[in-house]
Amino acid sequence: MVPGLYRLLSGSNGGGTSSASYCFGIWAKHLSLLRANGMRDVPASIAELGPGNTLGVGICALLSGASSYYALDVDRYSEVNENLRLLDELVELFISRAPINIGGWPDFSNYLDADRFPSALPRDLLSRTMTRPRIASIRDALRGRPSDIIVRYIAPWNDEALIDKGSVGLILSHSVLEHVADVDHTMRACAAWLQPDGWVSHQVDFSSHDVTKEWNGHWEYPQWAWRLVLGGRPYLINRVPADVMVECLRAHGFRIEMELHLKRTDGLSRERLARPWQTKAVDSASLYVQARLSV
């Protein structure tokens, strides 16, 4: 992890989003819970933080009715040919109304129809969003050709000016915010990009990501020792706990519409943790939060 060598030797790996069914499951989960919490229609403009090695989730959003998609990442992991392959596979999943196979937490099976397809994507909606000309426009956009559909892949995304203020209806992320170096800056940027009453939907994993033996062992280290653990890794985990993440959203003008915590009682006891985290919500191993920008 020597600074400089890490980036040279580590290769490119933006996370495993190469499976069409996996990307569809992620999109279905976020969309279903958003509908349950008050979002009526798929927004025209959507941004995703940390899409990983494909734009699969964003392609799902476009097939569901979005006309603009911003993919924001720290490096360019995604390739055009992979995204075109995923588009073809996702079109088949949508047309066949394939059942959702993704499990895990939180359970959103109540928002699936009898065939385990998202109720938020009825046939009449998809008959309008998945016409042949529209799918061809999505294909052109992924190739970087002129199109009625907008796909912008922005890497790195550390400048708020990269997206027009008040232009996005929904920003989502999936197991990404725990890797962001500056959570406050990220929340401020989201608030700037969103339209009034726009939505965010984030799933955050607060575990140690196998850096330590115990799931919460990363909170045992004082700050100076954690810097040694990080070494030259440009982004690992930021150790921001769930309550701080939620309060940061509120501080930037978001109204929390849903806050689900997956809590764990195993791992290190609170007394074993470094002092800054002994009074924080370090029993939350995962957080699903959806919020609306206050008008």
C-alpha atoms as a PDB file:
ATOM      1  CA  MET A   1       0.000   0.000   0.000  1.00  0.00           C
ATOM      2  CA  VAL A   2       2.960   2.343  -0.496  1.00  0.00           C
ATOM      3  CA  PRO A   3       1.652   5.645  -1.904  1.00  0.00           C
ATOM      4  CA  GLY A   4       2.151   5.723  -5.681  1.00  0.00           C
ATOM      5  CA  LEU A   5       2.591   1.957  -6.023  1.00  0.00           C
ATOM      6  CA  TYR A   6      -0.964   1.102  -4.999  1.00  0.00           C
ATOM      7  CA  ARG A   7      -2.594   2.693  -8.032  1.00  0.00           C
ATOM      8  CA  LEU A   8       0.074   1.252 -10.349  1.00  0.00           C
ATOM      9  CA  LEU A   9      -0.282  -2.335  -9.141  1.00  0.00           C
ATOM     10  CA  SER A  10      -3.892  -2.610  -8.024  1.00  0.00           C
ATOM     11  CA  GLY A  11      -5.569  -2.552 -11.436  1.00  0.00           C
ATOM     12  CA  SER A  12      -9.066  -1.286 -12.129  1.00  0.00           C
ATOM     13  CA  ASN A  13     -11.990  -2.693 -10.221  1.00  0.00           C
ATOM     14  CA  GLY A  14     -15.046  -0.567  -9.715  1.00  0.00           C
ATOM     15  CA  GLY A  15     -17.179  -3.203  -8.041  1.00  0.00           C
ATOM     16  CA  GLY A  16     -19.093  -6.147  -9.438  1.00  0.00           C
ATOM     17  CA  THR A  17     -21.961  -4.711 -11.477  1.00  0.00           C
ATOM     18  CA  SER A  18     -21.475  -6.831 -14.616  1.00  0.00           C
ATOM     19  CA  SER A  19     -24.552  -8.988 -13.985  1.00  0.00           C
ATOM     20  CA  ALA A  20     -27.770  -7.744 -15.577  1.00  0.00           C
ATOM     21  CA  SER A  21     -29.943  -9.421 -12.934  1.00  0.00           C
ATOM     22  CA  TYR A  22     -27.860  -7.875 -10.134  1.00  0.00           C
ATOM     23  CA  CYS A  23     -28.144  -4.355 -11.587  1.00  0.00           C
ATOM     24  CA  PHE A  24     -31.859  -4.853 -12.160  1.00  0.00           C
ATOM     25  CA  GLY A  25     -32.283  -6.030  -8.561  1.00  0.00           C
ATOM     26  CA  ILE A  26     -30.516  -2.952  -7.184  1.00  0.00           C
ATOM     27  CA  TRP A  27     -32.643  -0.607  -9.301  1.00  0.00           C
ATOM     28  CA  ALA A  28     -35.833  -2.487  -8.409  1.00  0.00           C
ATOM     29  CA  LYS A  29     -35.078  -2.235  -4.705  1.00  0.00           C
ATOM     30  CA  HIS A  30     -34.367   1.501  -4.747  1.00  0.00           C
ATOM     31  CA  LEU A  31     -37.327   2.259  -7.022  1.00  0.00           C
ATOM     32  CA  SER A  32     -39.787   0.106  -5.065  1.00  0.00           C
ATOM     33  CA  LEU A  33     -38.875   1.694  -1.737  1.00  0.00           C
ATOM     34  CA  LEU A  34     -38.955   5.179  -3.259  1.00  0.00           C
ATOM     35  CA  ARG A  35     -42.462   4.549  -4.549  1.00  0.00           C
ATOM     36  CA  ALA A  36     -43.484   3.256  -1.127  1.00  0.00           C
ATOM     37  CA  ASN A  37     -42.135   6.435   0.469  1.00  0.00           C
ATOM     38  CA  GLY A  38     -43.906   8.867  -1.827  1.00  0.00           C
ATOM     39  CA  MET A  39     -42.030   9.203  -5.123  1.00  0.00           C
ATOM     40  CA  ARG A  40     -44.741   8.830  -7.755  1.00  0.00           C
ATOM     41  CA  ASP A  41     -42.923   8.790 -11.097  1.00  0.00           C
ATOM     42  CA  VAL A  42     -39.451   7.891 -12.349  1.00  0.00           C
ATOM     43  CA  PRO A  43     -37.637  11.262 -12.545  1.00  0.00           C
ATOM     44  CA  ALA A  44     -36.511  12.459 -15.952  1.00  0.00           C
ATOM     45  CA  SER A  45     -32.964  13.058 -14.709  1.00  0.00           C
ATOM     46  CA  ILE A  46     -31.079  10.630 -12.446  1.00  0.00           C
ATOM     47  CA  ALA A  47     -27.535  10.575 -11.069  1.00  0.00           C
ATOM     48  CA  GLU A  48     -25.694   7.624  -9.563  1.00  0.00           C
ATOM     49  CA  LEU A  49     -22.705   7.840  -7.251  1.00  0.00           C
ATOM     50  CA  GLY A  50     -20.149   5.083  -7.807  1.00  0.00           C
ATOM     51  CA  PRO A  51     -21.772   2.987 -10.547  1.00  0.00           C
ATOM     52  CA  GLY A  52     -18.813   0.579 -10.590  1.00  0.00           C
ATOM     53  CA  ASN A  53     -17.583  -1.351 -13.604  1.00  0.00           C
ATOM     54  CA  THR A  54     -20.781  -0.926 -15.634  1.00  0.00           C
ATOM     55  CA  LEU A  55     -23.625   1.566 -15.949  1.00  0.00           C
ATOM     56  CA  GLY A  56     -26.194  -1.195 -15.475  1.00  0.00           C
ATOM     57  CA  VAL A  57     -28.282   0.507 -12.784  1.00  0.00           C
ATOM     58  CA  GLY A  58     -28.450   3.668 -14.871  1.00  0.00           C
ATOM     59  CA  ILE A  59     -29.502   1.679 -17.940  1.00  0.00           C
ATOM     60  CA  CYS A  60     -32.354   0.246 -15.845  1.00  0.00           C
ATOM     61  CA  ALA A  61     -33.381   3.791 -14.948  1.00  0.00           C
ATOM     62  CA  LEU A  62     -33.370   4.807 -18.623  1.00  0.00           C
ATOM     63  CA  LEU A  63     -35.468   1.780 -19.596  1.00  0.00           C
ATOM     64  CA  SER A  64     -37.885   2.768 -16.810  1.00  0.00           C
ATOM     65  CA  GLY A  65     -38.448   6.247 -18.217  1.00  0.00           C
ATOM     66  CA  ALA A  66     -35.529   8.492 -17.257  1.00  0.00           C
ATOM     67  CA  SER A  67     -34.131  10.532 -20.146  1.00  0.00           C
ATOM     68  CA  SER A  68     -30.870  11.741 -18.547  1.00  0.00           C
ATOM     69  CA  TYR A  69     -28.377   9.716 -16.522  1.00  0.00           C
ATOM     70  CA  TYR A  70     -25.205  10.980 -14.840  1.00  0.00           C
ATOM     71  CA  ALA A  71     -22.697   8.348 -13.723  1.00  0.00           C
ATOM     72  CA  LEU A  72     -20.252   9.802 -11.172  1.00  0.00           C
ATOM     73  CA  ASP A  73     -17.176   7.837 -10.168  1.00  0.00           C
ATOM     74  CA  VAL A  74     -13.617   8.373  -8.955  1.00  0.00           C
ATOM     75  CA  ASP A  75     -12.100   6.552 -11.942  1.00  0.00           C
ATOM     76  CA  ARG A  76     -13.363   5.360 -15.301  1.00  0.00           C
ATOM     77  CA  TYR A  77     -14.103   1.665 -14.792  1.00  0.00           C
ATOM     78  CA  SER A  78     -16.948   1.204 -17.262  1.00  0.00           C
ATOM     79  CA  GLU A  79     -16.473   0.276 -20.940  1.00  0.00           C
ATOM     80  CA  VAL A  80     -18.854   0.887 -23.836  1.00  0.00           C
ATOM     81  CA  ASN A  81     -19.013  -2.716 -25.061  1.00  0.00           C
ATOM     82  CA  GLU A  82     -19.879  -4.015 -21.598  1.00  0.00           C
ATOM     83  CA  ASN A  83     -22.667  -1.458 -21.281  1.00  0.00           C
ATOM     84  CA  LEU A  84     -24.061  -2.382 -24.705  1.00  0.00           C
ATOM     85  CA  ARG A  85     -24.068  -6.053 -23.701  1.00  0.00           C
ATOM     86  CA  LEU A  86     -25.873  -5.174 -20.479  1.00  0.00           C
ATOM     87  CA  LEU A  87     -28.428  -3.092 -22.359  1.00  0.00           C
ATOM     88  CA  ASP A  88     -29.373  -6.096 -24.511  1.00  0.00           C
ATOM     89  CA  GLU A  89     -29.630  -8.374 -21.469  1.00  0.00           C
ATOM     90  CA  LEU A  90     -31.644  -5.855 -19.467  1.00  0.00           C
ATOM     91  CA  VAL A  91     -34.080  -5.304 -22.341  1.00  0.00           C
ATOM     92  CA  GLU A  92     -34.762  -9.050 -22.295  1.00  0.00           C
ATOM     93  CA  LEU A  93     -35.284  -9.016 -18.520  1.00  0.00           C
ATOM     94  CA  PHE A  94     -37.728  -6.115 -18.783  1.00  0.00           C
ATOM     95  CA  ILE A  95     -39.644  -7.546 -21.749  1.00  0.00           C
ATOM     96  CA  SER A  96     -39.983 -10.986 -20.160  1.00  0.00           C
ATOM     97  CA  ARG A  97     -40.815  -9.409 -16.784  1.00  0.00           C
ATOM     98  CA  ALA A  98     -38.202 -11.676 -15.237  1.00  0.00           C
ATOM     99  CA  PRO A  99     -38.573 -12.320 -11.502  1.00  0.00           C
ATOM    100  CA  ILE A 100     -36.297 -10.457  -9.105  1.00  0.00           C
ATOM    101  CA  ASN A 101     -33.754 -12.861  -7.621  1.00  0.00           C
ATOM    102  CA  ILE A 102     -31.738 -10.473  -5.458  1.00  0.00           C
ATOM    103  CA  GLY A 103     -32.205 -11.163  -1.774  1.00  0.00           C
ATOM    104  CA  GLY A 104     -30.612  -9.672   1.270  1.00  0.00           C
ATOM    105  CA  TRP A 105     -31.659  -6.700   3.309  1.00  0.00           C
ATOM    106  CA  PRO A 106     -34.031  -4.927   3.334  1.00  0.00           C
ATOM    107  CA  ASP A 107     -36.815  -7.209   2.182  1.00  0.00           C
ATOM    108  CA  PHE A 108     -38.911  -5.493  -0.490  1.00  0.00           C
ATOM    109  CA  SER A 109     -40.942  -8.516  -1.622  1.00  0.00           C
ATOM    110  CA  ASN A 110     -44.173  -6.707  -0.704  1.00  0.00           C
ATOM    111  CA  TYR A 111     -43.529  -4.376  -3.651  1.00  0.00           C
ATOM    112  CA  LEU A 112     -43.281  -7.163  -6.243  1.00  0.00           C
ATOM    113  CA  ASP A 113     -46.227  -8.491  -8.229  1.00  0.00           C
ATOM    114  CA  ALA A 114     -47.341 -12.125  -8.397  1.00  0.00           C
ATOM    115  CA  ASP A 115     -44.508 -12.869 -10.838  1.00  0.00           C
ATOM    116  CA  ARG A 116     -41.946 -11.178  -8.535  1.00  0.00           C
ATOM    117  CA  PHE A 117     -41.546  -8.276 -10.943  1.00  0.00           C
ATOM    118  CA  PRO A 118     -41.508  -4.723  -9.506  1.00  0.00           C
ATOM    119  CA  SER A 119     -45.037  -3.333  -9.162  1.00  0.00           C
ATOM    120  CA  ALA A 120     -43.498   0.112  -9.752  1.00  0.00           C
ATOM    121  CA  LEU A 121     -42.923  -0.900 -13.403  1.00  0.00           C
ATOM    122  CA  PRO A 122     -46.388  -1.738 -14.772  1.00  0.00           C
ATOM    123  CA  ARG A 123     -46.856  -2.924 -18.337  1.00  0.00           C
ATOM    124  CA  ASP A 124     -48.408   0.333 -19.537  1.00  0.00           C
ATOM    125  CA  LEU A 125     -45.366   2.309 -18.343  1.00  0.00           C
ATOM    126  CA  LEU A 126     -42.856  -0.011 -20.025  1.00  0.00           C
ATOM    127  CA  SER A 127     -44.882  -0.003 -23.241  1.00  0.00           C
ATOM    128  CA  ARG A 128     -44.035   3.712 -23.459  1.00  0.00           C
ATOM    129  CA  THR A 129     -40.442   3.636 -22.204  1.00  0.00           C
ATOM    130  CA  MET A 130     -39.220   0.570 -24.118  1.00  0.00           C
ATOM    131  CA  THR A 131     -40.198   1.291 -27.703  1.00  0.00           C
ATOM    132  CA  ARG A 132     -37.657   0.308 -30.361  1.00  0.00           C
ATOM    133  CA  PRO A 133     -36.749   3.941 -31.188  1.00  0.00           C
ATOM    134  CA  ARG A 134     -36.201   4.706 -27.508  1.00  0.00           C
ATOM    135  CA  ILE A 135     -33.973   1.657 -26.953  1.00  0.00           C
ATOM    136  CA  ALA A 136     -32.013   2.678 -30.056  1.00  0.00           C
ATOM    137  CA  SER A 137     -31.589   6.159 -28.547  1.00  0.00           C
ATOM    138  CA  ILE A 138     -30.254   4.636 -25.313  1.00  0.00           C
ATOM    139  CA  ARG A 139     -27.806   2.577 -27.377  1.00  0.00           C
ATOM    140  CA  ASP A 140     -26.627   5.685 -29.231  1.00  0.00           C
ATOM    141  CA  ALA A 141     -26.179   7.571 -25.957  1.00  0.00           C
ATOM    142  CA  LEU A 142     -24.049   4.763 -24.507  1.00  0.00           C
ATOM    143  CA  ARG A 143     -21.884   4.907 -27.623  1.00  0.00           C
ATOM    144  CA  GLY A 144     -21.478   8.666 -27.300  1.00  0.00           C
ATOM    145  CA  ARG A 145     -23.486   9.398 -30.433  1.00  0.00           C
ATOM    146  CA  PRO A 146     -26.113  12.169 -30.815  1.00  0.00           C
ATOM    147  CA  SER A 147     -29.305  11.051 -29.088  1.00  0.00           C
ATOM    148  CA  ASP A 148     -32.492  12.211 -27.409  1.00  0.00           C
ATOM    149  CA  ILE A 149     -31.193  10.339 -24.329  1.00  0.00           C
ATOM    150  CA  ILE A 150     -28.367  11.839 -22.291  1.00  0.00           C
ATOM    151  CA  VAL A 151     -25.675   9.655 -20.683  1.00  0.00           C
ATOM    152  CA  ARG A 152     -22.768  11.453 -19.043  1.00  0.00           C
ATOM    153  CA  TYR A 153     -19.961   9.494 -17.424  1.00  0.00           C
ATOM    154  CA  ILE A 154     -18.067  11.838 -15.104  1.00  0.00           C
ATOM    155  CA  ALA A 155     -14.826  10.686 -13.466  1.00  0.00           C
ATOM    156  CA  PRO A 156     -13.564  12.070 -11.214  1.00  0.00           C
ATOM    157  CA  TRP A 157     -16.609  13.902  -9.851  1.00  0.00           C
ATOM    158  CA  ASN A 158     -15.127  16.127  -7.149  1.00  0.00           C
ATOM    159  CA  ASP A 159     -16.472  19.411  -8.554  1.00  0.00           C
ATOM    160  CA  GLU A 160     -20.063  20.543  -7.939  1.00  0.00           C
ATOM    161  CA  ALA A 161     -20.002  22.534 -11.193  1.00  0.00           C
ATOM    162  CA  LEU A 162     -19.895  19.328 -13.270  1.00  0.00           C
ATOM    163  CA  ILE A 163     -23.710  19.096 -13.099  1.00  0.00           C
ATOM    164  CA  ASP A 164     -26.076  22.055 -13.391  1.00  0.00           C
ATOM    165  CA  LYS A 165     -27.693  23.152 -10.152  1.00  0.00           C
ATOM    166  CA  GLY A 166     -31.264  22.033  -9.661  1.00  0.00           C
ATOM    167  CA  SER A 167     -31.229  19.713 -12.677  1.00  0.00           C
ATOM    168  CA  VAL A 168     -31.541  16.212 -11.178  1.00  0.00           C
ATOM    169  CA  GLY A 169     -34.635  14.522  -9.769  1.00  0.00           C
ATOM    170  CA  LEU A 170     -33.015  11.526  -8.037  1.00  0.00           C
ATOM    171  CA  ILE A 171     -29.515  10.662  -6.798  1.00  0.00           C
ATOM    172  CA  LEU A 172     -28.822   7.113  -5.669  1.00  0.00           C
ATOM    173  CA  SER A 173     -25.908   5.019  -4.465  1.00  0.00           C
ATOM    174  CA  HIS A 174     -25.436   1.433  -3.359  1.00  0.00           C
ATOM    175  CA  SER A 175     -22.599   0.558  -0.947  1.00  0.00           C
ATOM    176  CA  VAL A 176     -20.686   3.667  -2.000  1.00  0.00           C
ATOM    177  CA  LEU A 177     -20.978   6.413   0.626  1.00  0.00           C
ATOM    178  CA  GLU A 178     -18.808   4.484   3.085  1.00  0.00           C
ATOM    179  CA  HIS A 179     -15.914   4.969   0.634  1.00  0.00           C
ATOM    180  CA  VAL A 180     -16.367   8.716   0.088  1.00  0.00           C
ATOM    181  CA  ALA A 181     -13.491  10.702   1.587  1.00  0.00           C
ATOM    182  CA  ASP A 182     -15.547  13.846   2.302  1.00  0.00           C
ATOM    183  CA  VAL A 183     -19.151  12.998   3.161  1.00  0.00           C
ATOM    184  CA  ASP A 184     -20.077  16.617   3.875  1.00  0.00           C
ATOM    185  CA  HIS A 185     -18.885  17.733   0.439  1.00  0.00           C
ATOM    186  CA  THR A 186     -20.825  14.890  -1.190  1.00  0.00           C
ATOM    187  CA  MET A 187     -24.082  15.790   0.587  1.00  0.00           C
ATOM    188  CA  ARG A 188     -23.613  19.453  -0.302  1.00  0.00           C
ATOM    189  CA  ALA A 189     -23.078  18.555  -3.952  1.00  0.00           C
ATOM    190  CA  CYS A 190     -26.189  16.361  -3.966  1.00  0.00           C
ATOM    191  CA  ALA A 191     -28.251  19.204  -2.507  1.00  0.00           C
ATOM    192  CA  ALA A 192     -26.917  21.548  -5.193  1.00  0.00           C
ATOM    193  CA  TRP A 193     -27.664  19.173  -8.068  1.00  0.00           C
ATOM    194  CA  LEU A 194     -31.167  18.210  -6.966  1.00  0.00           C
ATOM    195  CA  GLN A 195     -34.345  19.907  -8.034  1.00  0.00           C
ATOM    196  CA  PRO A 196     -36.566  21.266  -5.238  1.00  0.00           C
ATOM    197  CA  ASP A 197     -38.240  18.260  -3.614  1.00  0.00           C
ATOM    198  CA  GLY A 198     -35.762  15.932  -5.378  1.00  0.00           C
ATOM    199  CA  TRP A 199     -34.874  12.570  -3.851  1.00  0.00           C
ATOM    200  CA  VAL A 200     -31.796  10.715  -2.652  1.00  0.00           C
ATOM    201  CA  SER A 201     -31.700   6.970  -2.011  1.00  0.00           C
ATOM    202  CA  HIS A 202     -28.592   5.473  -0.419  1.00  0.00           C
ATOM    203  CA  GLN A 203     -27.662   2.071   0.925  1.00  0.00           C
ATOM    204  CA  VAL A 204     -24.523   2.291   3.056  1.00  0.00           C
ATOM    205  CA  ASP A 205     -22.407  -0.577   4.408  1.00  0.00           C
ATOM    206  CA  PHE A 206     -20.678   0.321   7.694  1.00  0.00           C
ATOM    207  CA  SER A 207     -18.751  -2.926   8.135  1.00  0.00           C
ATOM    208  CA  SER A 208     -14.952  -3.095   8.076  1.00  0.00           C
ATOM    209  CA  HIS A 209     -15.007  -4.591   4.541  1.00  0.00           C
ATOM    210  CA  ASP A 210     -12.787  -7.417   5.830  1.00  0.00           C
ATOM    211  CA  VAL A 211      -9.993  -5.037   6.799  1.00  0.00           C
ATOM    212  CA  THR A 212     -10.358  -6.344  10.362  1.00  0.00           C
ATOM    213  CA  LYS A 213     -11.465  -9.686  11.791  1.00  0.00           C
ATOM    214  CA  GLU A 214     -14.498  -8.215  13.546  1.00  0.00           C
ATOM    215  CA  TRP A 215     -17.142  -6.470  11.441  1.00  0.00           C
ATOM    216  CA  ASN A 216     -16.728  -3.277  13.529  1.00  0.00           C
ATOM    217  CA  GLY A 217     -12.983  -3.558  14.160  1.00  0.00           C
ATOM    218  CA  HIS A 218     -12.173  -0.515  12.005  1.00  0.00           C
ATOM    219  CA  TRP A 219     -13.559   1.690  14.785  1.00  0.00           C
ATOM    220  CA  GLU A 220     -11.002   0.320  17.248  1.00  0.00           C
ATOM    221  CA  TYR A 221      -8.119   2.255  15.701  1.00  0.00           C
ATOM    222  CA  PRO A 222      -7.227   5.810  16.762  1.00  0.00           C
ATOM    223  CA  GLN A 223      -6.878   8.194  13.839  1.00  0.00           C
ATOM    224  CA  TRP A 224      -3.069   8.029  13.603  1.00  0.00           C
ATOM    225  CA  ALA A 225      -3.126   4.216  13.462  1.00  0.00           C
ATOM    226  CA  TRP A 226      -5.912   4.204  10.884  1.00  0.00           C
ATOM    227  CA  ARG A 227      -3.792   6.376   8.592  1.00  0.00           C
ATOM    228  CA  LEU A 228      -1.181   3.604   8.661  1.00  0.00           C
ATOM    229  CA  VAL A 229      -3.851   1.016   7.853  1.00  0.00           C
ATOM    230  CA  LEU A 230      -4.977   3.088   4.866  1.00  0.00           C
ATOM    231  CA  GLY A 231      -1.454   3.381   3.531  1.00  0.00           C
ATOM    232  CA  GLY A 232      -1.567   4.428  -0.110  1.00  0.00           C
ATOM    233  CA  ARG A 233      -5.131   3.295  -0.758  1.00  0.00           C
ATOM    234  CA  PRO A 234      -6.929   6.303  -2.270  1.00  0.00           C
ATOM    235  CA  TYR A 235     -10.318   5.227  -0.850  1.00  0.00           C
ATOM    236  CA  LEU A 236     -11.085   2.393   1.506  1.00  0.00           C
ATOM    237  CA  ILE A 237     -13.721   3.223   4.124  1.00  0.00           C
ATOM    238  CA  ASN A 238     -14.271   6.553   5.826  1.00  0.00           C
ATOM    239  CA  ARG A 239     -15.472   5.161   9.214  1.00  0.00           C
ATOM    240  CA  VAL A 240     -18.401   7.626   9.274  1.00  0.00           C
ATOM    241  CA  PRO A 241     -21.160   5.906  11.330  1.00  0.00           C
ATOM    242  CA  ALA A 242     -24.854   5.847  10.495  1.00  0.00           C
ATOM    243  CA  ASP A 243     -26.024   8.659  12.799  1.00  0.00           C
ATOM    244  CA  VAL A 244     -23.410  11.062  11.435  1.00  0.00           C
ATOM    245  CA  MET A 245     -24.391  10.150   7.856  1.00  0.00           C
ATOM    246  CA  VAL A 246     -28.064  10.908   8.563  1.00  0.00           C
ATOM    247  CA  GLU A 247     -27.322  14.148  10.402  1.00  0.00           C
ATOM    248  CA  CYS A 248     -25.171  15.282   7.477  1.00  0.00           C
ATOM    249  CA  LEU A 249     -28.161  14.801   5.182  1.00  0.00           C
ATOM    250  CA  ARG A 250     -30.329  16.880   7.494  1.00  0.00           C
ATOM    251  CA  ALA A 251     -27.678  19.582   7.745  1.00  0.00           C
ATOM    252  CA  HIS A 252     -27.828  20.053   3.976  1.00  0.00           C
ATOM    253  CA  GLY A 253     -31.577  20.477   3.838  1.00  0.00           C
ATOM    254  CA  PHE A 254     -32.849  16.928   3.422  1.00  0.00           C
ATOM    255  CA  ARG A 255     -36.035  15.647   5.020  1.00  0.00           C
ATOM    256  CA  ILE A 256     -35.677  11.971   5.938  1.00  0.00           C
ATOM    257  CA  GLU A 257     -38.514   9.886   4.497  1.00  0.00           C
ATOM    258  CA  MET A 258     -37.146   6.440   5.378  1.00  0.00           C
ATOM    259  CA  GLU A 259     -34.352   5.355   7.708  1.00  0.00           C
ATOM    260  CA  LEU A 260     -33.780   1.613   8.045  1.00  0.00           C
ATOM    261  CA  HIS A 261     -30.933   0.203  10.130  1.00  0.00           C
ATOM    262  CA  LEU A 262     -29.539  -3.312  10.109  1.00  0.00           C
ATOM    263  CA  LYS A 263     -28.094  -3.614  13.595  1.00  0.00           C
ATOM    264  CA  ARG A 264     -25.555  -6.087  14.931  1.00  0.00           C
ATOM    265  CA  THR A 265     -24.677  -6.943  18.509  1.00  0.00           C
ATOM    266  CA  ASP A 266     -21.644  -9.111  17.788  1.00  0.00           C
ATOM    267  CA  GLY A 267     -18.125  -7.863  17.181  1.00  0.00           C
ATOM    268  CA  LEU A 268     -16.120  -5.638  19.503  1.00  0.00           C
ATOM    269  CA  SER A 269     -17.811  -4.165  22.559  1.00  0.00           C
ATOM    270  CA  ARG A 270     -18.323  -0.395  22.608  1.00  0.00           C
ATOM    271  CA  GLU A 271     -15.602  -0.057  25.276  1.00  0.00           C
ATOM    272  CA  ARG A 272     -13.046  -1.554  22.886  1.00  0.00           C
ATOM    273  CA  LEU A 273     -13.617   1.147  20.267  1.00  0.00           C
ATOM    274  CA  ALA A 274     -11.544   4.300  19.962  1.00  0.00           C
ATOM    275  CA  ARG A 275     -13.011   7.185  21.938  1.00  0.00           C
ATOM    276  CA  PRO A 276     -14.569   9.189  19.053  1.00  0.00           C
ATOM    277  CA  TRP A 277     -16.849   6.247  18.190  1.00  0.00           C
ATOM    278  CA  GLN A 278     -17.872   5.104  21.654  1.00  0.00           C
ATOM    279  CA  THR A 279     -20.844   7.497  21.656  1.00  0.00           C
ATOM    280  CA  LYS A 280     -21.894   7.010  18.021  1.00  0.00           C
ATOM    281  CA  ALA A 281     -24.395   4.663  16.346  1.00  0.00           C
ATOM    282  CA  VAL A 282     -21.803   1.970  15.758  1.00  0.00           C
ATOM    283  CA  ASP A 283     -24.336  -0.854  16.129  1.00  0.00           C
ATOM    284  CA  SER A 284     -25.678  -0.088  12.631  1.00  0.00           C
ATOM    285  CA  ALA A 285     -23.955  -2.400  10.171  1.00  0.00           C
ATOM    286  CA  SER A 286     -26.001  -1.118   7.255  1.00  0.00           C
ATOM    287  CA  LEU A 287     -28.279   1.832   6.537  1.00  0.00           C
ATOM    288  CA  TYR A 288     -30.944   2.374   3.906  1.00  0.00           C
ATOM    289  CA  VAL A 289     -31.937   6.019   3.837  1.00  0.00           C
ATOM    290  CA  GLN A 290     -34.223   7.902   1.476  1.00  0.00           C
ATOM    291  CA  ALA A 291     -34.693  11.635   1.795  1.00  0.00           C
ATOM    292  CA  ARG A 292     -36.192  14.594   0.006  1.00  0.00           C
ATOM    293  CA  LEU A 293     -34.650  18.002  -0.480  1.00  0.00           C
ATOM    294  CA  SER A 294     -36.717  20.460   1.510  1.00  0.00           C
ATOM    295  CA  VAL A 295     -38.236  23.239  -0.605  1.00  0.00           C
END
